[in-house]
Amino acid sequence: MKQRRFVLGIGAQKSGTSWLHRYLESKKNVNLGFRKEYHIWDAKYTSACSQFRVYWLETLISEEKRKIWLMQNTDKYYFDYFCSILDMKDVEISGDITPSYSSLKSEVFGAIKSSFAQRNVRVSVVFLMRDPAERCISALSMKNKKTKFRNDCSDELIKRAKTDAYKIRTNYDETILELEKAFSVNEVYYGIYEEMFNEQKIEELSHFLGVDSDPSFAQIRFNESPKISIDKSAITEIAKEYKKVYEFALKRFPQVETLWANINLAGCFGPLFVSALTMSAFAESGYGIFC
């Protein structure tokens, strides 16, 4: 009997989820269904994501909307749909990669896990993270494609980064704490966007997902946002807004000290920074440094 796996991608938005979707879609044993982001559980349980609710009248003009409406209103339809995909010949993996699932509580994560377990499907969770300030900037840049702000987007960044819509996608600490109430450590893959695109990390992710590794994807980017103008003072303010996220990440994923450019702007200093500061002060004292 083949192993059936469901990949639950829970974010973070603008942290490589489109890349993850394309990577999985490139595999012969993977079928992710009719869309990347299904927006079922966030639409049901997160007030800041209520815009993803599908209304019955919409189902009359769109078959895709009809399926989403059924999933949002009948949990069984969601699980049965993905199980029907996994019952297809040669398909071992399906999934739902919706970044705003980062807002979900442990009870919802637990219900998803147990409902698939009852159907003999293993759930593997992928949570990708990016420097919080950079994630906010990239999200604003994506929005700016459709709604043009002033040339300098600094004020808009400060305003938006403090809203619930941005916080539920950037409070990685809260997401991880809720996630780990429902899933064990070996059921979750944590990826750091700034180090994702190399052969070693792609191999690690592929092993976790149960697919063949393809290092050529290290050179590929999807859905990148154009650059926008942001003042350094605005970036500093946003970094401080998410100080607790930086502090949490620094403890759980020490590599972010060198990977996340804005971590010091938040007022977080890891051992490498403190060590460098100490060495610099010692050198300036006139005593010199001896090896």
C-alpha atoms as a PDB file:
ATOM      1  CA  MET A   1       0.000   0.000   0.000  1.00  0.00           C
ATOM      2  CA  LYS A   2       1.421   3.377  -1.021  1.00  0.00           C
ATOM      3  CA  GLN A   3       2.198   6.085   1.514  1.00  0.00           C
ATOM      4  CA  ARG A   4      -0.142   9.056   1.176  1.00  0.00           C
ATOM      5  CA  ARG A   5       1.049  12.473   2.285  1.00  0.00           C
ATOM      6  CA  PHE A   6      -0.635  15.867   2.560  1.00  0.00           C
ATOM      7  CA  VAL A   7       1.608  18.945   2.567  1.00  0.00           C
ATOM      8  CA  LEU A   8       0.177  21.789   4.620  1.00  0.00           C
ATOM      9  CA  GLY A   9       2.019  24.984   3.670  1.00  0.00           C
ATOM     10  CA  ILE A  10       1.234  27.636   6.259  1.00  0.00           C
ATOM     11  CA  GLY A  11       3.374  30.567   5.118  1.00  0.00           C
ATOM     12  CA  ALA A  12       4.853  32.900   5.627  1.00  0.00           C
ATOM     13  CA  GLN A  13       3.573  35.092   2.807  1.00  0.00           C
ATOM     14  CA  LYS A  14       6.402  36.438   0.588  1.00  0.00           C
ATOM     15  CA  SER A  15       8.814  33.862   2.026  1.00  0.00           C
ATOM     16  CA  GLY A  16       9.062  31.352  -0.814  1.00  0.00           C
ATOM     17  CA  THR A  17       5.624  29.704  -0.831  1.00  0.00           C
ATOM     18  CA  SER A  18       5.185  30.193  -4.598  1.00  0.00           C
ATOM     19  CA  TRP A  19       8.588  28.568  -5.122  1.00  0.00           C
ATOM     20  CA  LEU A  20       7.525  25.668  -2.884  1.00  0.00           C
ATOM     21  CA  HIS A  21       4.317  25.212  -4.870  1.00  0.00           C
ATOM     22  CA  ARG A  22       6.163  25.159  -8.209  1.00  0.00           C
ATOM     23  CA  TYR A  23       8.806  22.822  -6.814  1.00  0.00           C
ATOM     24  CA  LEU A  24       6.194  20.314  -5.676  1.00  0.00           C
ATOM     25  CA  GLU A  25       4.235  20.637  -8.906  1.00  0.00           C
ATOM     26  CA  SER A  26       7.347  19.654 -10.856  1.00  0.00           C
ATOM     27  CA  LYS A  27       7.317  16.191  -9.241  1.00  0.00           C
ATOM     28  CA  LYS A  28       5.644  13.233 -10.941  1.00  0.00           C
ATOM     29  CA  ASN A  29       4.218  11.810  -7.702  1.00  0.00           C
ATOM     30  CA  VAL A  30       2.594  15.122  -6.674  1.00  0.00           C
ATOM     31  CA  ASN A  31      -0.824  16.537  -7.537  1.00  0.00           C
ATOM     32  CA  LEU A  32      -1.857  19.679  -5.644  1.00  0.00           C
ATOM     33  CA  GLY A  33      -5.323  19.998  -7.107  1.00  0.00           C
ATOM     34  CA  PHE A  34      -6.863  22.987  -8.825  1.00  0.00           C
ATOM     35  CA  ARG A  35      -5.088  25.847  -7.027  1.00  0.00           C
ATOM     36  CA  LYS A  36      -2.172  26.806  -4.760  1.00  0.00           C
ATOM     37  CA  GLU A  37      -4.022  28.719  -2.017  1.00  0.00           C
ATOM     38  CA  TYR A  38      -7.359  27.204  -1.065  1.00  0.00           C
ATOM     39  CA  HIS A  39      -8.137  29.656   1.770  1.00  0.00           C
ATOM     40  CA  ILE A  40     -10.407  27.313   3.667  1.00  0.00           C
ATOM     41  CA  TRP A  41      -9.318  27.404   7.290  1.00  0.00           C
ATOM     42  CA  ASP A  42      -8.209  31.040   7.405  1.00  0.00           C
ATOM     43  CA  ALA A  43     -11.504  32.174   5.869  1.00  0.00           C
ATOM     44  CA  LYS A  44     -13.398  30.197   8.530  1.00  0.00           C
ATOM     45  CA  TYR A  45     -11.380  30.983  11.643  1.00  0.00           C
ATOM     46  CA  THR A  46      -9.418  34.235  11.129  1.00  0.00           C
ATOM     47  CA  SER A  47     -11.332  37.506  11.113  1.00  0.00           C
ATOM     48  CA  ALA A  48      -8.532  39.296   9.242  1.00  0.00           C
ATOM     49  CA  CYS A  49      -9.030  36.797   6.387  1.00  0.00           C
ATOM     50  CA  SER A  50     -12.800  37.083   6.048  1.00  0.00           C
ATOM     51  CA  GLN A  51     -12.351  38.461   2.518  1.00  0.00           C
ATOM     52  CA  PHE A  52     -11.554  34.919   1.397  1.00  0.00           C
ATOM     53  CA  ARG A  53     -15.054  33.680   2.210  1.00  0.00           C
ATOM     54  CA  VAL A  54     -16.919  32.510  -0.869  1.00  0.00           C
ATOM     55  CA  TYR A  55     -20.628  33.303  -1.005  1.00  0.00           C
ATOM     56  CA  TRP A  56     -23.217  30.964  -2.435  1.00  0.00           C
ATOM     57  CA  LEU A  57     -24.196  33.218  -5.350  1.00  0.00           C
ATOM     58  CA  GLU A  58     -20.577  33.076  -6.569  1.00  0.00           C
ATOM     59  CA  THR A  59     -20.919  29.316  -6.997  1.00  0.00           C
ATOM     60  CA  LEU A  60     -23.456  29.853  -9.779  1.00  0.00           C
ATOM     61  CA  ILE A  61     -20.866  31.365 -12.106  1.00  0.00           C
ATOM     62  CA  SER A  62     -17.693  29.491 -11.177  1.00  0.00           C
ATOM     63  CA  GLU A  63     -17.031  25.796 -10.692  1.00  0.00           C
ATOM     64  CA  GLU A  64     -13.859  26.612  -8.767  1.00  0.00           C
ATOM     65  CA  LYS A  65     -15.802  28.909  -6.428  1.00  0.00           C
ATOM     66  CA  ARG A  66     -18.353  26.127  -5.944  1.00  0.00           C
ATOM     67  CA  LYS A  67     -15.634  23.749  -4.752  1.00  0.00           C
ATOM     68  CA  ILE A  68     -14.186  26.333  -2.384  1.00  0.00           C
ATOM     69  CA  TRP A  69     -17.652  27.125  -1.019  1.00  0.00           C
ATOM     70  CA  LEU A  70     -18.236  23.431  -0.346  1.00  0.00           C
ATOM     71  CA  MET A  71     -14.884  23.132   1.429  1.00  0.00           C
ATOM     72  CA  GLN A  72     -15.527  26.212   3.564  1.00  0.00           C
ATOM     73  CA  ASN A  73     -18.985  24.972   4.552  1.00  0.00           C
ATOM     74  CA  THR A  74     -18.418  21.212   4.820  1.00  0.00           C
ATOM     75  CA  ASP A  75     -15.132  20.064   6.317  1.00  0.00           C
ATOM     76  CA  LYS A  76     -15.651  16.545   4.987  1.00  0.00           C
ATOM     77  CA  TYR A  77     -15.609  17.817   1.403  1.00  0.00           C
ATOM     78  CA  TYR A  78     -12.118  19.284   1.922  1.00  0.00           C
ATOM     79  CA  PHE A  79     -10.662  16.023   3.226  1.00  0.00           C
ATOM     80  CA  ASP A  80     -12.524  13.850   0.724  1.00  0.00           C
ATOM     81  CA  TYR A  81     -11.344  16.027  -2.163  1.00  0.00           C
ATOM     82  CA  PHE A  82      -7.653  15.648  -1.340  1.00  0.00           C
ATOM     83  CA  CYS A  83      -8.045  11.964  -0.553  1.00  0.00           C
ATOM     84  CA  SER A  84      -9.612  11.459  -3.992  1.00  0.00           C
ATOM     85  CA  ILE A  85      -6.459  12.985  -5.495  1.00  0.00           C
ATOM     86  CA  LEU A  86      -4.248  10.744  -3.380  1.00  0.00           C
ATOM     87  CA  ASP A  87      -6.218   7.724  -4.579  1.00  0.00           C
ATOM     88  CA  MET A  88      -5.136   8.462  -8.158  1.00  0.00           C
ATOM     89  CA  LYS A  89      -2.566   6.176  -9.718  1.00  0.00           C
ATOM     90  CA  ASP A  90       1.055   7.252  -9.091  1.00  0.00           C
ATOM     91  CA  VAL A  91       0.007  10.176  -6.836  1.00  0.00           C
ATOM     92  CA  GLU A  92       1.527  10.025  -3.365  1.00  0.00           C
ATOM     93  CA  ILE A  93       1.462  13.686  -2.332  1.00  0.00           C
ATOM     94  CA  SER A  94      -1.120  16.460  -2.429  1.00  0.00           C
ATOM     95  CA  GLY A  95      -1.385  19.685  -0.488  1.00  0.00           C
ATOM     96  CA  ASP A  96      -2.698  23.126   0.284  1.00  0.00           C
ATOM     97  CA  ILE A  97      -0.180  25.984   0.472  1.00  0.00           C
ATOM     98  CA  THR A  98      -2.027  28.973   1.919  1.00  0.00           C
ATOM     99  CA  PRO A  99       0.320  31.478   3.633  1.00  0.00           C
ATOM    100  CA  SER A 100      -2.337  32.993   5.889  1.00  0.00           C
ATOM    101  CA  TYR A 101      -2.796  29.621   7.588  1.00  0.00           C
ATOM    102  CA  SER A 102      -0.017  31.001   9.778  1.00  0.00           C
ATOM    103  CA  SER A 103      -2.883  32.659  11.692  1.00  0.00           C
ATOM    104  CA  LEU A 104      -4.507  29.376  12.744  1.00  0.00           C
ATOM    105  CA  LYS A 105      -4.771  28.120  16.319  1.00  0.00           C
ATOM    106  CA  SER A 106      -3.608  24.733  17.563  1.00  0.00           C
ATOM    107  CA  GLU A 107      -7.174  23.381  17.666  1.00  0.00           C
ATOM    108  CA  VAL A 108      -7.535  23.872  13.916  1.00  0.00           C
ATOM    109  CA  PHE A 109      -4.112  22.398  13.180  1.00  0.00           C
ATOM    110  CA  GLY A 110      -5.016  19.432  15.369  1.00  0.00           C
ATOM    111  CA  ALA A 111      -8.348  18.910  13.608  1.00  0.00           C
ATOM    112  CA  ILE A 112      -6.663  18.933  10.194  1.00  0.00           C
ATOM    113  CA  LYS A 113      -4.093  16.402  11.367  1.00  0.00           C
ATOM    114  CA  SER A 114      -6.590  14.038  12.987  1.00  0.00           C
ATOM    115  CA  SER A 115      -9.074  14.199  10.089  1.00  0.00           C
ATOM    116  CA  PHE A 116      -6.384  13.183   7.616  1.00  0.00           C
ATOM    117  CA  ALA A 117      -5.054  10.535  10.020  1.00  0.00           C
ATOM    118  CA  GLN A 118      -8.518   8.932  10.072  1.00  0.00           C
ATOM    119  CA  ARG A 119      -8.135   8.594   6.308  1.00  0.00           C
ATOM    120  CA  ASN A 120      -4.612   7.128   6.566  1.00  0.00           C
ATOM    121  CA  VAL A 121      -2.972  10.300   5.263  1.00  0.00           C
ATOM    122  CA  ARG A 122       0.161  11.716   6.873  1.00  0.00           C
ATOM    123  CA  VAL A 123       0.332  15.505   7.221  1.00  0.00           C
ATOM    124  CA  SER A 124       3.687  17.243   6.713  1.00  0.00           C
ATOM    125  CA  VAL A 125       3.792  20.956   7.574  1.00  0.00           C
ATOM    126  CA  VAL A 126       6.095  23.470   5.892  1.00  0.00           C
ATOM    127  CA  PHE A 127       6.604  26.893   7.449  1.00  0.00           C
ATOM    128  CA  LEU A 128       8.967  29.274   5.662  1.00  0.00           C
ATOM    129  CA  MET A 129      10.185  32.469   7.353  1.00  0.00           C
ATOM    130  CA  ARG A 130      11.859  35.650   6.184  1.00  0.00           C
ATOM    131  CA  ASP A 131      13.367  38.677   7.938  1.00  0.00           C
ATOM    132  CA  PRO A 132      10.129  40.178   9.377  1.00  0.00           C
ATOM    133  CA  ALA A 133      10.811  43.720   8.162  1.00  0.00           C
ATOM    134  CA  GLU A 134      11.733  42.426   4.689  1.00  0.00           C
ATOM    135  CA  ARG A 135       8.598  40.299   4.606  1.00  0.00           C
ATOM    136  CA  CYS A 136       6.474  43.369   5.326  1.00  0.00           C
ATOM    137  CA  ILE A 137       8.297  45.387   2.674  1.00  0.00           C
ATOM    138  CA  SER A 138       7.836  42.636   0.083  1.00  0.00           C
ATOM    139  CA  ALA A 139       4.131  42.327   0.935  1.00  0.00           C
ATOM    140  CA  LEU A 140       3.680  46.077   0.503  1.00  0.00           C
ATOM    141  CA  SER A 141       5.576  45.956  -2.778  1.00  0.00           C
ATOM    142  CA  MET A 142       3.235  43.232  -4.034  1.00  0.00           C
ATOM    143  CA  LYS A 143       0.256  45.393  -3.084  1.00  0.00           C
ATOM    144  CA  ASN A 144       1.888  48.389  -4.755  1.00  0.00           C
ATOM    145  CA  LYS A 145       1.739  46.596  -8.104  1.00  0.00           C
ATOM    146  CA  LYS A 146      -2.031  47.001  -8.076  1.00  0.00           C
ATOM    147  CA  THR A 147      -2.514  50.104  -5.920  1.00  0.00           C
ATOM    148  CA  LYS A 148       0.153  52.704  -6.581  1.00  0.00           C
ATOM    149  CA  PHE A 149       1.203  54.633  -3.484  1.00  0.00           C
ATOM    150  CA  ARG A 150       3.455  57.663  -3.430  1.00  0.00           C
ATOM    151  CA  ASN A 151       7.012  57.129  -4.659  1.00  0.00           C
ATOM    152  CA  ASP A 152       8.142  56.854  -1.043  1.00  0.00           C
ATOM    153  CA  CYS A 153       6.191  54.062   0.634  1.00  0.00           C
ATOM    154  CA  SER A 154       7.628  54.564   4.131  1.00  0.00           C
ATOM    155  CA  ASP A 155       4.464  55.896   5.782  1.00  0.00           C
ATOM    156  CA  GLU A 156       2.359  53.224   4.111  1.00  0.00           C
ATOM    157  CA  LEU A 157       4.727  50.528   5.385  1.00  0.00           C
ATOM    158  CA  ILE A 158       4.544  51.772   8.976  1.00  0.00           C
ATOM    159  CA  LYS A 159       0.742  51.911   8.828  1.00  0.00           C
ATOM    160  CA  ARG A 160       0.233  48.482   7.273  1.00  0.00           C
ATOM    161  CA  ALA A 161       2.890  46.600   9.228  1.00  0.00           C
ATOM    162  CA  LYS A 162       0.991  47.367  12.436  1.00  0.00           C
ATOM    163  CA  THR A 163      -2.315  45.965  11.198  1.00  0.00           C
ATOM    164  CA  ASP A 164      -3.714  42.527  12.016  1.00  0.00           C
ATOM    165  CA  ALA A 165      -3.417  41.542   8.356  1.00  0.00           C
ATOM    166  CA  TYR A 166       0.360  41.945   8.520  1.00  0.00           C
ATOM    167  CA  LYS A 167       0.824  40.695  12.075  1.00  0.00           C
ATOM    168  CA  ILE A 168      -0.854  37.332  11.527  1.00  0.00           C
ATOM    169  CA  ARG A 169       1.606  36.739   8.685  1.00  0.00           C
ATOM    170  CA  THR A 170       4.699  37.974  10.536  1.00  0.00           C
ATOM    171  CA  ASN A 171       4.309  36.820  14.148  1.00  0.00           C
ATOM    172  CA  TYR A 172       6.285  33.641  13.527  1.00  0.00           C
ATOM    173  CA  ASP A 173       6.661  33.032  17.250  1.00  0.00           C
ATOM    174  CA  GLU A 174       2.909  32.755  17.743  1.00  0.00           C
ATOM    175  CA  THR A 175       2.519  30.511  14.704  1.00  0.00           C
ATOM    176  CA  ILE A 176       5.235  28.129  15.857  1.00  0.00           C
ATOM    177  CA  LEU A 177       3.898  27.888  19.402  1.00  0.00           C
ATOM    178  CA  GLU A 178       0.402  27.062  18.128  1.00  0.00           C
ATOM    179  CA  LEU A 179       1.755  24.652  15.535  1.00  0.00           C
ATOM    180  CA  GLU A 180       3.826  22.677  18.002  1.00  0.00           C
ATOM    181  CA  LYS A 181       0.823  22.048  20.233  1.00  0.00           C
ATOM    182  CA  ALA A 182      -0.611  19.942  17.407  1.00  0.00           C
ATOM    183  CA  PHE A 183       2.404  18.570  15.538  1.00  0.00           C
ATOM    184  CA  SER A 184       5.616  16.895  16.649  1.00  0.00           C
ATOM    185  CA  VAL A 185       8.992  18.316  15.620  1.00  0.00           C
ATOM    186  CA  ASN A 186       9.535  15.673  12.920  1.00  0.00           C
ATOM    187  CA  GLU A 187       6.212  16.588  11.285  1.00  0.00           C
ATOM    188  CA  VAL A 188       7.244  20.207  10.607  1.00  0.00           C
ATOM    189  CA  TYR A 189       9.873  21.669   8.286  1.00  0.00           C
ATOM    190  CA  TYR A 190      11.093  25.154   9.181  1.00  0.00           C
ATOM    191  CA  GLY A 191      12.805  26.990   6.351  1.00  0.00           C
ATOM    192  CA  ILE A 192      14.569  30.339   6.330  1.00  0.00           C
ATOM    193  CA  TYR A 193      13.990  32.179   3.052  1.00  0.00           C
ATOM    194  CA  GLU A 194      17.424  33.777   3.012  1.00  0.00           C
ATOM    195  CA  GLU A 195      19.143  30.362   2.919  1.00  0.00           C
ATOM    196  CA  MET A 196      16.587  28.283   1.014  1.00  0.00           C
ATOM    197  CA  PHE A 197      18.077  28.550  -2.425  1.00  0.00           C
ATOM    198  CA  ASN A 198      21.071  26.241  -2.231  1.00  0.00           C
ATOM    199  CA  GLU A 199      21.560  22.559  -2.976  1.00  0.00           C
ATOM    200  CA  GLN A 200      21.866  21.457   0.645  1.00  0.00           C
ATOM    201  CA  LYS A 201      18.643  23.111   1.784  1.00  0.00           C
ATOM    202  CA  ILE A 202      16.746  21.870  -1.260  1.00  0.00           C
ATOM    203  CA  GLU A 203      17.943  18.355  -0.502  1.00  0.00           C
ATOM    204  CA  GLU A 204      16.835  18.691   3.146  1.00  0.00           C
ATOM    205  CA  LEU A 205      13.395  19.933   2.116  1.00  0.00           C
ATOM    206  CA  SER A 206      13.043  17.220  -0.531  1.00  0.00           C
ATOM    207  CA  HIS A 207      13.917  14.507   1.968  1.00  0.00           C
ATOM    208  CA  PHE A 208      11.313  15.868   4.373  1.00  0.00           C
ATOM    209  CA  LEU A 209       8.650  15.960   1.650  1.00  0.00           C
ATOM    210  CA  GLY A 210       9.506  12.567   0.186  1.00  0.00           C
ATOM    211  CA  VAL A 211      10.405  13.801  -3.299  1.00  0.00           C
ATOM    212  CA  ASP A 212      13.536  13.623  -5.430  1.00  0.00           C
ATOM    213  CA  SER A 213      15.848  16.603  -4.954  1.00  0.00           C
ATOM    214  CA  ASP A 214      16.285  18.993  -7.896  1.00  0.00           C
ATOM    215  CA  PRO A 215      19.170  21.417  -7.252  1.00  0.00           C
ATOM    216  CA  SER A 216      18.388  23.336 -10.456  1.00  0.00           C
ATOM    217  CA  PHE A 217      15.574  25.055  -8.539  1.00  0.00           C
ATOM    218  CA  ALA A 218      18.223  26.914  -6.546  1.00  0.00           C
ATOM    219  CA  GLN A 219      18.439  29.316  -9.500  1.00  0.00           C
ATOM    220  CA  ILE A 220      14.704  29.864  -9.854  1.00  0.00           C
ATOM    221  CA  ARG A 221      12.511  32.541  -8.243  1.00  0.00           C
ATOM    222  CA  PHE A 222       8.765  33.000  -8.542  1.00  0.00           C
ATOM    223  CA  ASN A 223       6.455  35.918  -7.794  1.00  0.00           C
ATOM    224  CA  GLU A 224       9.235  38.303  -6.776  1.00  0.00           C
ATOM    225  CA  SER A 225       8.094  41.804  -5.877  1.00  0.00           C
ATOM    226  CA  PRO A 226       9.637  44.936  -7.438  1.00  0.00           C
ATOM    227  CA  LYS A 227      11.726  47.262  -5.283  1.00  0.00           C
ATOM    228  CA  ILE A 228      10.037  50.163  -3.540  1.00  0.00           C
ATOM    229  CA  SER A 229      11.502  53.190  -1.775  1.00  0.00           C
ATOM    230  CA  ILE A 230      11.560  52.911   2.037  1.00  0.00           C
ATOM    231  CA  ASP A 231      13.405  55.160   4.497  1.00  0.00           C
ATOM    232  CA  LYS A 232      15.857  53.511   6.884  1.00  0.00           C
ATOM    233  CA  SER A 233      13.968  55.078   9.795  1.00  0.00           C
ATOM    234  CA  ALA A 234      10.771  53.333   8.681  1.00  0.00           C
ATOM    235  CA  ILE A 235      12.546  49.979   8.448  1.00  0.00           C
ATOM    236  CA  THR A 236      13.939  50.522  11.951  1.00  0.00           C
ATOM    237  CA  GLU A 237      10.475  51.299  13.321  1.00  0.00           C
ATOM    238  CA  ILE A 238       9.035  48.142  11.774  1.00  0.00           C
ATOM    239  CA  ALA A 239      11.939  46.010  12.969  1.00  0.00           C
ATOM    240  CA  LYS A 240      11.303  47.248  16.519  1.00  0.00           C
ATOM    241  CA  GLU A 241       7.587  46.522  16.091  1.00  0.00           C
ATOM    242  CA  TYR A 242       8.516  42.876  15.564  1.00  0.00           C
ATOM    243  CA  LYS A 243      11.292  42.697  18.149  1.00  0.00           C
ATOM    244  CA  LYS A 244       9.750  39.712  19.927  1.00  0.00           C
ATOM    245  CA  VAL A 245       9.681  37.808  16.637  1.00  0.00           C
ATOM    246  CA  TYR A 246      13.370  38.499  16.030  1.00  0.00           C
ATOM    247  CA  GLU A 247      14.194  37.477  19.610  1.00  0.00           C
ATOM    248  CA  PHE A 248      12.245  34.227  19.300  1.00  0.00           C
ATOM    249  CA  ALA A 249      13.805  33.377  15.948  1.00  0.00           C
ATOM    250  CA  LEU A 250      17.301  34.140  17.236  1.00  0.00           C
ATOM    251  CA  LYS A 251      16.841  31.549  19.983  1.00  0.00           C
ATOM    252  CA  ARG A 252      15.248  28.884  17.777  1.00  0.00           C
ATOM    253  CA  PHE A 253      17.205  29.496  14.568  1.00  0.00           C
ATOM    254  CA  PRO A 254      20.592  31.061  15.486  1.00  0.00           C
ATOM    255  CA  GLN A 255      21.591  31.411  11.825  1.00  0.00           C
ATOM    256  CA  VAL A 256      19.193  34.347  11.436  1.00  0.00           C
ATOM    257  CA  GLU A 257      21.739  36.504  13.261  1.00  0.00           C
ATOM    258  CA  THR A 258      23.729  36.682  10.029  1.00  0.00           C
ATOM    259  CA  LEU A 259      20.890  36.028   7.571  1.00  0.00           C
ATOM    260  CA  TRP A 260      18.396  38.689   8.657  1.00  0.00           C
ATOM    261  CA  ALA A 261      19.772  42.119   7.831  1.00  0.00           C
ATOM    262  CA  ASN A 262      17.406  44.010  10.134  1.00  0.00           C
ATOM    263  CA  ILE A 263      17.806  41.989  13.306  1.00  0.00           C
ATOM    264  CA  ASN A 264      20.108  44.554  14.912  1.00  0.00           C
ATOM    265  CA  LEU A 265      17.709  47.381  14.012  1.00  0.00           C
ATOM    266  CA  ALA A 266      15.173  45.603  16.197  1.00  0.00           C
ATOM    267  CA  GLY A 267      17.584  45.804  19.111  1.00  0.00           C
ATOM    268  CA  CYS A 268      18.381  42.079  19.118  1.00  0.00           C
ATOM    269  CA  PHE A 269      22.005  41.057  19.478  1.00  0.00           C
ATOM    270  CA  GLY A 270      23.157  37.476  19.234  1.00  0.00           C
ATOM    271  CA  PRO A 271      26.485  36.011  20.391  1.00  0.00           C
ATOM    272  CA  LEU A 272      28.285  36.805  17.135  1.00  0.00           C
ATOM    273  CA  PHE A 273      27.397  40.486  17.359  1.00  0.00           C
ATOM    274  CA  VAL A 274      28.327  40.685  21.032  1.00  0.00           C
ATOM    275  CA  SER A 275      31.596  38.870  20.354  1.00  0.00           C
ATOM    276  CA  ALA A 276      32.476  41.253  17.500  1.00  0.00           C
ATOM    277  CA  LEU A 277      31.573  44.251  19.656  1.00  0.00           C
ATOM    278  CA  THR A 278      33.758  42.963  22.494  1.00  0.00           C
ATOM    279  CA  MET A 279      36.701  42.336  20.183  1.00  0.00           C
ATOM    280  CA  SER A 280      36.341  45.796  18.657  1.00  0.00           C
ATOM    281  CA  ALA A 281      36.278  47.457  22.078  1.00  0.00           C
ATOM    282  CA  PHE A 282      39.286  45.417  23.197  1.00  0.00           C
ATOM    283  CA  ALA A 283      41.246  46.386  20.098  1.00  0.00           C
ATOM    284  CA  GLU A 284      40.434  50.067  20.586  1.00  0.00           C
ATOM    285  CA  SER A 285      41.651  49.891  24.184  1.00  0.00           C
ATOM    286  CA  GLY A 286      45.235  49.680  22.889  1.00  0.00           C
ATOM    287  CA  TYR A 287      45.987  46.251  24.296  1.00  0.00           C
ATOM    288  CA  GLY A 288      45.627  44.491  20.940  1.00  0.00           C
ATOM    289  CA  ILE A 289      44.438  40.988  20.301  1.00  0.00           C
ATOM    290  CA  PHE A 290      46.707  37.982  20.471  1.00  0.00           C
ATOM    291  CA  CYS A 291      46.022  34.533  19.036  1.00  0.00           C
END
